[in-house]
Amino acid sequence: MECKTCTECGNSENDSELLFCDDCDRGYHMYCCSPPLSKAPEGDWRCKLCCAQFGEL
């Protein structure tokens, strides 16, 4: 099983808080997002790097 880490902090702890971008599959803790997220978004989610490249969903 592949261990996923947060792109921002590099940590794999708190995996229940990790979100994965629907475009690039990078992981981000909800609290490492800018701004931090209090809950997982419904539907598709795009990281800030993909938003910069492809635009918001």
PDB file of N, CA and C in Angstrom:
ATOM      1  N   MET A   1       0.849  -1.182   0.000  1.00  0.00           N
ATOM      2  CA  MET A   1       0.000   0.000   0.000  1.00  0.00           C
ATOM      3  C   MET A   1       0.892   1.241   0.000  1.00  0.00           C
ATOM      4  N   GLU A   2       0.601   2.144  -0.889  1.00  0.00           N
ATOM      5  CA  GLU A   2       1.374   3.377  -1.012  1.00  0.00           C
ATOM      6  C   GLU A   2       0.988   4.341   0.104  1.00  0.00           C
ATOM      7  N   CYS A   3       1.981   4.953   0.724  1.00  0.00           N
ATOM      8  CA  CYS A   3       1.756   5.919   1.791  1.00  0.00           C
ATOM      9  C   CYS A   3       1.669   7.311   1.170  1.00  0.00           C
ATOM     10  N   LYS A   4       0.549   7.967   1.350  1.00  0.00           N
ATOM     11  CA  LYS A   4       0.363   9.316   0.819  1.00  0.00           C
ATOM     12  C   LYS A   4       0.733  10.338   1.880  1.00  0.00           C
ATOM     13  N   THR A   5       1.360  11.415   1.450  1.00  0.00           N
ATOM     14  CA  THR A   5       1.742  12.488   2.360  1.00  0.00           C
ATOM     15  C   THR A   5       1.138  13.808   1.895  1.00  0.00           C
ATOM     16  N   CYS A   6       1.104  14.757   2.805  1.00  0.00           N
ATOM     17  CA  CYS A   6       0.620  16.098   2.502  1.00  0.00           C
ATOM     18  C   CYS A   6       1.683  16.845   1.703  1.00  0.00           C
ATOM     19  N   THR A   7       1.286  17.450   0.615  1.00  0.00           N
ATOM     20  CA  THR A   7       2.196  18.220  -0.227  1.00  0.00           C
ATOM     21  C   THR A   7       2.753  19.433   0.516  1.00  0.00           C
ATOM     22  N   GLU A   8       1.957  20.023   1.398  1.00  0.00           N
ATOM     23  CA  GLU A   8       2.379  21.227   2.124  1.00  0.00           C
ATOM     24  C   GLU A   8       3.362  20.919   3.250  1.00  0.00           C
ATOM     25  N   CYS A   9       3.020  19.976   4.127  1.00  0.00           N
ATOM     26  CA  CYS A   9       3.849  19.735   5.318  1.00  0.00           C
ATOM     27  C   CYS A   9       4.713  18.482   5.204  1.00  0.00           C
ATOM     28  N   GLY A  10       4.451  17.629   4.216  1.00  0.00           N
ATOM     29  CA  GLY A  10       5.244  16.424   4.013  1.00  0.00           C
ATOM     30  C   GLY A  10       4.951  15.308   4.995  1.00  0.00           C
ATOM     31  N   ASN A  11       3.894  15.457   5.782  1.00  0.00           N
ATOM     32  CA  ASN A  11       3.561  14.513   6.835  1.00  0.00           C
ATOM     33  C   ASN A  11       2.452  13.571   6.381  1.00  0.00           C
ATOM     34  N   SER A  12       2.523  12.316   6.806  1.00  0.00           N
ATOM     35  CA  SER A  12       1.473  11.353   6.473  1.00  0.00           C
ATOM     36  C   SER A  12       0.543  11.097   7.655  1.00  0.00           C
ATOM     37  N   GLU A  13       0.781  11.771   8.789  1.00  0.00           N
ATOM     38  CA  GLU A  13      -0.094  11.617   9.951  1.00  0.00           C
ATOM     39  C   GLU A  13      -1.456  12.231   9.666  1.00  0.00           C
ATOM     40  N   ASN A  14      -2.436  11.855  10.481  1.00  0.00           N
ATOM     41  CA  ASN A  14      -3.807  12.368  10.345  1.00  0.00           C
ATOM     42  C   ASN A  14      -4.366  12.103   8.951  1.00  0.00           C
ATOM     43  N   ASP A  15      -4.234  10.858   8.498  1.00  0.00           N
ATOM     44  CA  ASP A  15      -4.689  10.537   7.143  1.00  0.00           C
ATOM     45  C   ASP A  15      -6.189  10.753   6.958  1.00  0.00           C
ATOM     46  N   SER A  16      -6.961  10.790   8.034  1.00  0.00           N
ATOM     47  CA  SER A  16      -8.393  11.074   7.905  1.00  0.00           C
ATOM     48  C   SER A  16      -8.636  12.529   7.520  1.00  0.00           C
ATOM     49  N   GLU A  17      -7.618  13.378   7.670  1.00  0.00           N
ATOM     50  CA  GLU A  17      -7.708  14.795   7.318  1.00  0.00           C
ATOM     51  C   GLU A  17      -7.146  15.080   5.924  1.00  0.00           C
ATOM     52  N   LEU A  18      -6.628  14.055   5.242  1.00  0.00           N
ATOM     53  CA  LEU A  18      -6.019  14.262   3.924  1.00  0.00           C
ATOM     54  C   LEU A  18      -7.071  14.321   2.825  1.00  0.00           C
ATOM     55  N   LEU A  19      -6.962  15.326   1.991  1.00  0.00           N
ATOM     56  CA  LEU A  19      -7.762  15.443   0.766  1.00  0.00           C
ATOM     57  C   LEU A  19      -6.842  15.143  -0.403  1.00  0.00           C
ATOM     58  N   PHE A  20      -7.390  14.585  -1.461  1.00  0.00           N
ATOM     59  CA  PHE A  20      -6.593  14.309  -2.653  1.00  0.00           C
ATOM     60  C   PHE A  20      -7.215  15.008  -3.848  1.00  0.00           C
ATOM     61  N   CYS A  21      -6.388  15.750  -4.562  1.00  0.00           N
ATOM     62  CA  CYS A  21      -6.830  16.493  -5.737  1.00  0.00           C
ATOM     63  C   CYS A  21      -7.365  15.516  -6.778  1.00  0.00           C
ATOM     64  N   ASP A  22      -8.510  15.844  -7.348  1.00  0.00           N
ATOM     65  CA  ASP A  22      -9.118  14.987  -8.365  1.00  0.00           C
ATOM     66  C   ASP A  22      -8.392  15.060  -9.699  1.00  0.00           C
ATOM     67  N   ASP A  23      -7.499  16.041  -9.881  1.00  0.00           N
ATOM     68  CA  ASP A  23      -6.744  16.146 -11.131  1.00  0.00           C
ATOM     69  C   ASP A  23      -5.357  15.518 -11.033  1.00  0.00           C
ATOM     70  N   CYS A  24      -4.605  15.846  -9.985  1.00  0.00           N
ATOM     71  CA  CYS A  24      -3.207  15.400  -9.908  1.00  0.00           C
ATOM     72  C   CYS A  24      -2.954  14.365  -8.816  1.00  0.00           C
ATOM     73  N   ASP A  25      -3.915  14.135  -7.945  1.00  0.00           N
ATOM     74  CA  ASP A  25      -3.830  13.169  -6.845  1.00  0.00           C
ATOM     75  C   ASP A  25      -2.838  13.577  -5.757  1.00  0.00           C
ATOM     76  N   ARG A  26      -2.423  14.857  -5.716  1.00  0.00           N
ATOM     77  CA  ARG A  26      -1.600  15.320  -4.595  1.00  0.00           C
ATOM     78  C   ARG A  26      -2.470  15.343  -3.343  1.00  0.00           C
ATOM     79  N   GLY A  27      -1.848  15.075  -2.190  1.00  0.00           N
ATOM     80  CA  GLY A  27      -2.571  15.094  -0.930  1.00  0.00           C
ATOM     81  C   GLY A  27      -2.331  16.377  -0.160  1.00  0.00           C
ATOM     82  N   TYR A  28      -3.348  16.830   0.552  1.00  0.00           N
ATOM     83  CA  TYR A  28      -3.272  18.016   1.409  1.00  0.00           C
ATOM     84  C   TYR A  28      -4.110  17.765   2.650  1.00  0.00           C
ATOM     85  N   HIS A  29      -3.534  18.041   3.833  1.00  0.00           N
ATOM     86  CA  HIS A  29      -4.364  18.040   5.030  1.00  0.00           C
ATOM     87  C   HIS A  29      -5.346  19.201   4.912  1.00  0.00           C
ATOM     88  N   MET A  30      -6.550  19.008   5.416  1.00  0.00           N
ATOM     89  CA  MET A  30      -7.532  20.089   5.363  1.00  0.00           C
ATOM     90  C   MET A  30      -7.016  21.322   6.097  1.00  0.00           C
ATOM     91  N   TYR A  31      -6.239  21.126   7.175  1.00  0.00           N
ATOM     92  CA  TYR A  31      -5.709  22.260   7.941  1.00  0.00           C
ATOM     93  C   TYR A  31      -4.468  22.872   7.302  1.00  0.00           C
ATOM     94  N   CYS A  32      -3.900  22.234   6.286  1.00  0.00           N
ATOM     95  CA  CYS A  32      -2.752  22.805   5.564  1.00  0.00           C
ATOM     96  C   CYS A  32      -3.187  23.596   4.329  1.00  0.00           C
ATOM     97  N   CYS A  33      -4.457  23.481   3.965  1.00  0.00           N
ATOM     98  CA  CYS A  33      -4.968  24.241   2.814  1.00  0.00           C
ATOM     99  C   CYS A  33      -5.003  25.723   3.174  1.00  0.00           C
ATOM    100  N   SER A  34      -4.986  26.562   2.169  1.00  0.00           N
ATOM    101  CA  SER A  34      -5.043  27.999   2.387  1.00  0.00           C
ATOM    102  C   SER A  34      -6.220  28.575   1.606  1.00  0.00           C
ATOM    103  N   PRO A  35      -7.282  28.969   2.290  1.00  0.00           N
ATOM    104  CA  PRO A  35      -7.494  28.917   3.730  1.00  0.00           C
ATOM    105  C   PRO A  35      -7.772  27.484   4.197  1.00  0.00           C
ATOM    106  N   PRO A  36      -7.546  27.210   5.492  1.00  0.00           N
ATOM    107  CA  PRO A  36      -7.819  25.865   6.018  1.00  0.00           C
ATOM    108  C   PRO A  36      -9.293  25.499   5.848  1.00  0.00           C
ATOM    109  N   LEU A  37      -9.550  24.225   5.628  1.00  0.00           N
ATOM    110  CA  LEU A  37     -10.921  23.739   5.476  1.00  0.00           C
ATOM    111  C   LEU A  37     -11.352  23.049   6.760  1.00  0.00           C
ATOM    112  N   SER A  38     -12.591  23.308   7.196  1.00  0.00           N
ATOM    113  CA  SER A  38     -13.093  22.676   8.418  1.00  0.00           C
ATOM    114  C   SER A  38     -13.719  21.318   8.137  1.00  0.00           C
ATOM    115  N   LYS A  39     -14.106  21.079   6.874  1.00  0.00           N
ATOM    116  CA  LYS A  39     -14.658  19.778   6.492  1.00  0.00           C
ATOM    117  C   LYS A  39     -14.316  19.514   5.031  1.00  0.00           C
ATOM    118  N   ALA A  40     -14.367  18.256   4.668  1.00  0.00           N
ATOM    119  CA  ALA A  40     -14.058  17.875   3.286  1.00  0.00           C
ATOM    120  C   ALA A  40     -15.130  18.433   2.352  1.00  0.00           C
ATOM    121  N   PRO A  41     -14.726  19.002   1.229  1.00  0.00           N
ATOM    122  CA  PRO A  41     -15.706  19.527   0.279  1.00  0.00           C
ATOM    123  C   PRO A  41     -16.505  18.393  -0.356  1.00  0.00           C
ATOM    124  N   GLU A  42     -17.747  18.681  -0.687  1.00  0.00           N
ATOM    125  CA  GLU A  42     -18.578  17.704  -1.389  1.00  0.00           C
ATOM    126  C   GLU A  42     -18.222  17.735  -2.864  1.00  0.00           C
ATOM    127  N   GLY A  43     -18.234  16.591  -3.496  1.00  0.00           N
ATOM    128  CA  GLY A  43     -17.939  16.521  -4.924  1.00  0.00           C
ATOM    129  C   GLY A  43     -16.452  16.594  -5.198  1.00  0.00           C
ATOM    130  N   ASP A  44     -16.111  17.015  -6.398  1.00  0.00           N
ATOM    131  CA  ASP A  44     -14.713  17.083  -6.824  1.00  0.00           C
ATOM    132  C   ASP A  44     -13.987  18.220  -6.118  1.00  0.00           C
ATOM    133  N   TRP A  45     -12.688  18.026  -5.930  1.00  0.00           N
ATOM    134  CA  TRP A  45     -11.853  19.044  -5.300  1.00  0.00           C
ATOM    135  C   TRP A  45     -10.560  19.168  -6.083  1.00  0.00           C
ATOM    136  N   ARG A  46     -10.127  20.391  -6.307  1.00  0.00           N
ATOM    137  CA  ARG A  46      -8.901  20.678  -7.055  1.00  0.00           C
ATOM    138  C   ARG A  46      -7.949  21.452  -6.151  1.00  0.00           C
ATOM    139  N   CYS A  47      -6.674  21.018  -6.093  1.00  0.00           N
ATOM    140  CA  CYS A  47      -5.677  21.689  -5.256  1.00  0.00           C
ATOM    141  C   CYS A  47      -5.316  23.057  -5.842  1.00  0.00           C
ATOM    142  N   LYS A  48      -4.592  23.849  -5.039  1.00  0.00           N
ATOM    143  CA  LYS A  48      -4.243  25.208  -5.475  1.00  0.00           C
ATOM    144  C   LYS A  48      -3.344  25.203  -6.707  1.00  0.00           C
ATOM    145  N   LEU A  49      -2.475  24.196  -6.839  1.00  0.00           N
ATOM    146  CA  LEU A  49      -1.601  24.129  -8.016  1.00  0.00           C
ATOM    147  C   LEU A  49      -2.414  23.870  -9.287  1.00  0.00           C
ATOM    148  N   CYS A  50      -3.383  22.963  -9.197  1.00  0.00           N
ATOM    149  CA  CYS A  50      -4.230  22.686 -10.363  1.00  0.00           C
ATOM    150  C   CYS A  50      -5.197  23.833 -10.637  1.00  0.00           C
ATOM    151  N   CYS A  51      -5.659  24.514  -9.580  1.00  0.00           N
ATOM    152  CA  CYS A  51      -6.507  25.697  -9.782  1.00  0.00           C
ATOM    153  C   CYS A  51      -5.744  26.767 -10.547  1.00  0.00           C
ATOM    154  N   ALA A  52      -4.463  26.945 -10.218  1.00  0.00           N
ATOM    155  CA  ALA A  52      -3.639  27.935 -10.915  1.00  0.00           C
ATOM    156  C   ALA A  52      -3.440  27.548 -12.376  1.00  0.00           C
ATOM    157  N   GLN A  53      -3.316  26.251 -12.634  1.00  0.00           N
ATOM    158  CA  GLN A  53      -3.066  25.788 -13.997  1.00  0.00           C
ATOM    159  C   GLN A  53      -4.343  25.670 -14.824  1.00  0.00           C
ATOM    160  N   PHE A  54      -5.409  25.146 -14.212  1.00  0.00           N
ATOM    161  CA  PHE A  54      -6.631  24.830 -14.962  1.00  0.00           C
ATOM    162  C   PHE A  54      -7.824  25.703 -14.603  1.00  0.00           C
ATOM    163  N   GLY A  55      -7.733  26.468 -13.515  1.00  0.00           N
ATOM    164  CA  GLY A  55      -8.857  27.267 -13.044  1.00  0.00           C
ATOM    165  C   GLY A  55      -9.667  26.516 -11.998  1.00  0.00           C
ATOM    166  N   GLU A  56     -10.532  27.248 -11.328  1.00  0.00           N
ATOM    167  CA  GLU A  56     -11.387  26.661 -10.289  1.00  0.00           C
ATOM    168  C   GLU A  56     -12.370  25.684 -10.910  1.00  0.00           C
ATOM    169  N   LEU A  57     -12.826  24.735 -10.100  1.00  0.00           N
ATOM    170  CA  LEU A  57     -13.867  23.799 -10.557  1.00  0.00           C
ATOM    171  C   LEU A  57     -15.199  24.491 -10.564  1.00  0.00           C
TER     172      LEU A  57
END
